[in-house]
N, C-alpha and C. Protein backbone atom coordinates (compact mmCIF):
# COMPACT_ATOMS: atom_id res chain seq x y z
N MET A 1 -129.62 78.44 29.43
CA MET A 1 -128.55 78.92 30.29
C MET A 1 -128.26 77.94 31.42
N GLU A 2 -129.33 77.38 32.00
CA GLU A 2 -129.16 76.44 33.09
C GLU A 2 -128.48 75.16 32.61
N GLU A 3 -128.78 74.76 31.37
CA GLU A 3 -128.15 73.54 30.82
C GLU A 3 -126.65 73.73 30.65
N ILE A 4 -126.25 74.91 30.20
CA ILE A 4 -124.83 75.19 30.02
C ILE A 4 -124.11 75.18 31.37
N LEU A 5 -124.73 75.77 32.36
CA LEU A 5 -124.14 75.80 33.70
C LEU A 5 -124.03 74.39 34.28
N ALA A 6 -125.06 73.59 34.12
CA ALA A 6 -125.05 72.22 34.65
C ALA A 6 -123.98 71.38 33.95
N SER A 7 -123.86 71.51 32.64
CA SER A 7 -122.86 70.71 31.93
C SER A 7 -121.45 71.17 32.25
N SER A 8 -121.25 72.47 32.47
CA SER A 8 -119.91 72.94 32.83
C SER A 8 -119.53 72.49 34.24
N ILE A 9 -120.49 72.42 35.13
CA ILE A 9 -120.22 71.93 36.49
C ILE A 9 -119.85 70.45 36.44
N GLN A 10 -120.58 69.66 35.65
CA GLN A 10 -120.28 68.24 35.52
C GLN A 10 -118.90 68.03 34.91
N SER A 11 -118.58 68.79 33.88
CA SER A 11 -117.27 68.67 33.24
C SER A 11 -116.16 69.08 34.19
N GLY A 12 -116.36 70.15 34.92
CA GLY A 12 -115.37 70.61 35.88
C GLY A 12 -115.12 69.59 36.97
N PHE A 13 -116.18 68.95 37.44
CA PHE A 13 -116.04 67.93 38.47
C PHE A 13 -115.26 66.74 37.93
N ALA A 14 -115.55 66.32 36.72
CA ALA A 14 -114.85 65.18 36.12
C ALA A 14 -113.37 65.49 35.93
N VAL A 15 -113.06 66.70 35.51
CA VAL A 15 -111.67 67.10 35.33
C VAL A 15 -110.95 67.13 36.68
N ALA A 16 -111.61 67.64 37.69
CA ALA A 16 -111.01 67.71 39.02
C ALA A 16 -110.73 66.31 39.58
N VAL A 17 -111.65 65.39 39.40
CA VAL A 17 -111.45 64.02 39.88
C VAL A 17 -110.30 63.36 39.12
N ALA A 18 -110.25 63.54 37.81
CA ALA A 18 -109.18 62.94 37.01
C ALA A 18 -107.82 63.51 37.42
N ALA A 19 -107.74 64.80 37.64
CA ALA A 19 -106.48 65.43 38.05
C ALA A 19 -106.05 64.90 39.42
N TYR A 20 -106.98 64.78 40.34
CA TYR A 20 -106.67 64.26 41.67
C TYR A 20 -106.11 62.84 41.59
N LEU A 21 -106.76 62.00 40.79
CA LEU A 21 -106.30 60.62 40.67
C LEU A 21 -104.94 60.54 40.00
N LEU A 22 -104.68 61.38 39.01
CA LEU A 22 -103.38 61.38 38.36
C LEU A 22 -102.27 61.80 39.32
N VAL A 23 -102.53 62.78 40.15
CA VAL A 23 -101.53 63.24 41.11
C VAL A 23 -101.25 62.14 42.14
N ARG A 24 -102.28 61.46 42.60
CA ARG A 24 -102.09 60.36 43.56
C ARG A 24 -101.33 59.21 42.93
N MET A 25 -101.65 58.91 41.69
CA MET A 25 -101.03 57.77 41.01
C MET A 25 -99.57 58.04 40.68
N GLU A 26 -99.19 59.31 40.52
CA GLU A 26 -97.82 59.64 40.14
C GLU A 26 -96.81 59.14 41.17
N LYS A 27 -97.09 59.31 42.44
CA LYS A 27 -96.16 58.85 43.48
C LYS A 27 -96.02 57.34 43.45
N ARG A 28 -97.10 56.66 43.26
CA ARG A 28 -97.04 55.20 43.21
C ARG A 28 -96.25 54.73 42.00
N LEU A 29 -96.41 55.40 40.89
CA LEU A 29 -95.64 55.04 39.70
C LEU A 29 -94.15 55.30 39.92
N ASP A 30 -93.82 56.39 40.59
CA ASP A 30 -92.41 56.66 40.90
C ASP A 30 -91.83 55.58 41.81
N ASP A 31 -92.60 55.16 42.82
CA ASP A 31 -92.16 54.09 43.71
C ASP A 31 -91.98 52.78 42.95
N LEU A 32 -92.90 52.49 42.05
CA LEU A 32 -92.81 51.27 41.26
C LEU A 32 -91.60 51.30 40.34
N THR A 33 -91.31 52.44 39.75
CA THR A 33 -90.14 52.58 38.88
C THR A 33 -88.86 52.35 39.68
N ALA A 34 -88.80 52.90 40.88
CA ALA A 34 -87.62 52.70 41.73
C ALA A 34 -87.47 51.23 42.11
N ALA A 35 -88.56 50.57 42.42
CA ALA A 35 -88.50 49.15 42.79
C ALA A 35 -88.05 48.30 41.62
N ILE A 36 -88.48 48.62 40.43
CA ILE A 36 -88.06 47.88 39.24
C ILE A 36 -86.57 48.10 39.00
N GLY A 37 -86.10 49.31 39.22
CA GLY A 37 -84.67 49.58 39.08
C GLY A 37 -83.84 48.79 40.07
N GLU A 38 -84.30 48.71 41.31
CA GLU A 38 -83.60 47.92 42.34
C GLU A 38 -83.61 46.44 41.98
N LEU A 39 -84.71 45.95 41.47
CA LEU A 39 -84.81 44.55 41.08
C LEU A 39 -83.86 44.25 39.92
N ARG A 40 -83.79 45.15 38.96
CA ARG A 40 -82.87 44.98 37.83
C ARG A 40 -81.43 44.93 38.33
N ALA A 41 -81.07 45.82 39.25
CA ALA A 41 -79.71 45.84 39.78
C ALA A 41 -79.41 44.55 40.54
N ALA A 42 -80.37 44.05 41.29
CA ALA A 42 -80.17 42.81 42.04
C ALA A 42 -80.00 41.63 41.09
N ILE A 43 -80.79 41.59 40.03
CA ILE A 43 -80.68 40.49 39.07
C ILE A 43 -79.36 40.55 38.33
N GLU A 44 -78.94 41.74 37.92
CA GLU A 44 -77.69 41.89 37.22
C GLU A 44 -76.51 41.55 38.13
N GLY A 45 -76.58 41.91 39.39
CA GLY A 45 -75.52 41.59 40.34
C GLY A 45 -75.44 40.10 40.60
N GLU A 46 -76.55 39.43 40.59
CA GLU A 46 -76.59 37.99 40.83
C GLU A 46 -76.06 37.24 39.61
N GLY A 47 -76.30 37.77 38.43
CA GLY A 47 -75.83 37.12 37.20
C GLY A 47 -74.33 37.23 37.03
N ALA A 48 -73.68 38.18 37.69
CA ALA A 48 -72.23 38.38 37.56
C ALA A 48 -71.45 37.37 38.37
N ARG A 49 -72.10 36.67 39.28
CA ARG A 49 -71.40 35.72 40.16
C ARG A 49 -70.98 34.49 39.42
């Protein structure tokens, strides 16, 4: 019984850490996507000259 409890606590902790990191990384990925879009627009605008 103690082994099951210990393994479920370890698994729960790992899932919680992974979820936290994914949530933090999501904003950075959104910012990076926006920056790439701006860069693409700048390059396309420069090529039209």
